[in-house]
Amino acid sequence: QVQLVESRGGLVLAGDSLRLSCAASGRTFGDYIMGWFRQAPGKEREFVASIRWSSGIIYYGDSVKGRFTISKDNAKNTVSLQMNNLKPEDTAIYSCAGTGPDGHNFDYWGRGTQVTVSS
């Protein structure tokens, strides 16, 4: 099993920056993908960003392009999400996720961490 643990989020002001990290431990499966998702109250879960571990190929959700940056640290087995120019609409629970053996489905999830952006 893979365990994913996110760093603590927080309460920030609009325009501020915040960095989230996710530490992965346990078994991993070849060319896997790590991603960040978020869910705001009353809304469906939304894709934020992903990175393929072997190639480093990155994708972003449209709402965060140009403001958020995903990165990985192979040595520490962590994936980070740098969030700049935060907006109140970025307020959500952010969760780290990793694909399982098929390399496509996000089978592993962290508990999530609250990010609140105040105007």
Protein backbone atom coordinates (compact mmCIF):
# COMPACT_ATOMS: atom_id res chain seq x y z
CA GLN A 1 0.00 0.00 0.00
CA VAL A 2 1.00 3.57 -0.62
CA GLN A 3 0.59 6.16 2.08
CA LEU A 4 0.26 9.81 1.18
CA VAL A 5 0.54 12.56 3.75
CA GLU A 6 -0.05 16.19 2.90
CA SER A 7 1.52 19.09 4.70
CA ARG A 8 -0.72 21.47 6.58
CA GLY A 9 -2.61 24.04 4.56
CA GLY A 10 -3.68 27.28 6.08
CA LEU A 11 -5.53 30.56 6.02
CA VAL A 12 -4.08 33.18 3.70
CA LEU A 13 -5.13 36.43 2.12
CA ALA A 14 -6.01 36.86 -1.51
CA GLY A 15 -2.85 37.39 -3.51
CA ASP A 16 -0.72 35.41 -1.07
CA SER A 17 1.25 32.27 -1.84
CA LEU A 18 1.20 28.89 -0.16
CA ARG A 19 3.12 25.68 -0.75
CA LEU A 20 1.74 22.22 -0.12
CA SER A 21 3.80 19.07 0.00
CA CYS A 22 2.86 15.42 -0.13
CA ALA A 23 5.12 12.69 1.16
CA ALA A 24 4.66 9.24 -0.37
CA SER A 25 5.73 6.05 1.35
CA GLY A 26 5.17 2.38 0.79
CA ARG A 27 5.09 0.47 -2.43
CA THR A 28 5.02 2.33 -5.74
CA PHE A 29 4.26 0.98 -9.18
CA GLY A 30 6.59 1.83 -12.01
CA ASP A 31 5.63 4.82 -14.06
CA TYR A 32 3.03 6.30 -11.77
CA ILE A 33 1.38 9.69 -11.65
CA MET A 34 1.06 11.95 -8.65
CA GLY A 35 -1.59 14.60 -8.58
CA TRP A 36 -3.40 17.23 -6.59
CA PHE A 37 -7.16 17.58 -6.46
CA ARG A 38 -9.38 19.92 -4.52
CA GLN A 39 -12.95 20.03 -3.36
CA ALA A 40 -14.80 23.12 -2.24
CA PRO A 41 -17.97 22.95 -0.13
CA GLY A 42 -20.93 21.98 -2.23
CA LYS A 43 -18.82 21.34 -5.32
CA GLU A 44 -17.43 18.28 -7.02
CA ARG A 45 -13.81 17.33 -6.73
CA GLU A 46 -11.67 19.23 -9.20
CA PHE A 47 -8.39 18.26 -10.83
CA VAL A 48 -5.62 20.72 -9.99
CA ALA A 49 -2.35 19.34 -11.33
CA SER A 50 -0.46 16.12 -12.00
CA ILE A 51 3.06 14.99 -12.71
CA ARG A 52 4.28 11.71 -14.16
CA TRP A 53 7.08 10.45 -12.01
CA SER A 54 9.39 9.06 -14.69
CA SER A 55 9.08 11.66 -17.42
CA GLY A 56 8.04 14.71 -15.44
CA ILE A 57 5.16 15.41 -17.80
CA ILE A 58 2.83 17.91 -16.13
CA TYR A 59 -0.81 18.85 -16.54
CA TYR A 60 -2.78 21.64 -14.89
CA GLY A 61 -6.44 22.36 -14.45
CA ASP A 62 -7.59 25.43 -16.36
CA SER A 63 -8.46 27.37 -13.24
CA VAL A 64 -4.91 27.22 -11.86
CA LYS A 65 -2.76 27.51 -14.99
CA GLY A 66 -0.18 30.24 -14.63
CA ARG A 67 -0.61 30.44 -10.87
CA PHE A 68 0.13 26.96 -9.52
CA THR A 69 3.24 24.89 -10.08
CA ILE A 70 3.60 21.18 -9.35
CA SER A 71 7.03 19.67 -8.78
CA LYS A 72 8.60 16.49 -7.47
CA ASP A 73 11.61 15.51 -5.44
CA ASN A 74 12.72 12.04 -6.42
CA ALA A 75 15.13 11.68 -3.53
CA LYS A 76 12.53 12.56 -0.92
CA ASN A 77 9.61 10.93 -2.76
CA THR A 78 7.55 14.06 -2.38
CA VAL A 79 5.40 16.11 -4.68
CA SER A 80 4.73 19.77 -4.03
CA LEU A 81 2.22 22.33 -5.16
CA GLN A 82 3.31 25.95 -5.17
CA MET A 83 0.25 28.17 -5.22
CA ASN A 84 0.72 31.83 -6.10
CA ASN A 85 -1.72 34.70 -6.42
CA LEU A 86 -4.33 32.79 -4.46
CA LYS A 87 -7.96 33.75 -4.88
CA PRO A 88 -10.96 33.21 -2.60
CA GLU A 89 -12.26 30.68 -5.13
CA ASP A 90 -9.18 28.57 -4.45
CA THR A 91 -10.58 27.81 -1.01
CA ALA A 92 -11.00 24.04 -0.76
CA ILE A 93 -9.69 20.85 0.75
CA TYR A 94 -6.61 19.89 -1.24
CA SER A 95 -5.74 16.22 -1.56
CA CYS A 96 -2.71 14.45 -2.89
CA ALA A 97 -3.29 11.33 -4.97
CA GLY A 98 -1.29 8.66 -6.70
CA THR A 99 -2.09 6.17 -9.41
CA GLY A 100 -2.11 2.47 -8.73
CA PRO A 101 -0.89 -0.54 -10.71
CA ASP A 102 -2.69 0.40 -13.92
CA GLY A 103 -0.92 3.75 -13.96
CA HIS A 104 -4.14 5.58 -14.80
CA ASN A 105 -6.58 5.47 -11.91
CA PHE A 106 -5.84 7.43 -8.77
CA ASP A 107 -6.11 4.63 -6.25
CA TYR A 108 -4.26 6.23 -3.38
CA TRP A 109 -5.31 9.37 -1.57
CA GLY A 110 -4.09 11.50 1.28
CA ARG A 111 -6.46 12.77 3.93
CA GLY A 112 -6.54 16.25 2.51
CA THR A 113 -5.66 19.62 3.92
CA GLN A 114 -7.73 22.78 4.17
CA VAL A 115 -6.69 25.88 2.27
CA THR A 116 -8.73 28.99 2.94
CA VAL A 117 -8.20 32.20 1.01
CA SER A 118 -9.75 35.27 2.54
CA SER A 119 -10.54 38.42 0.63
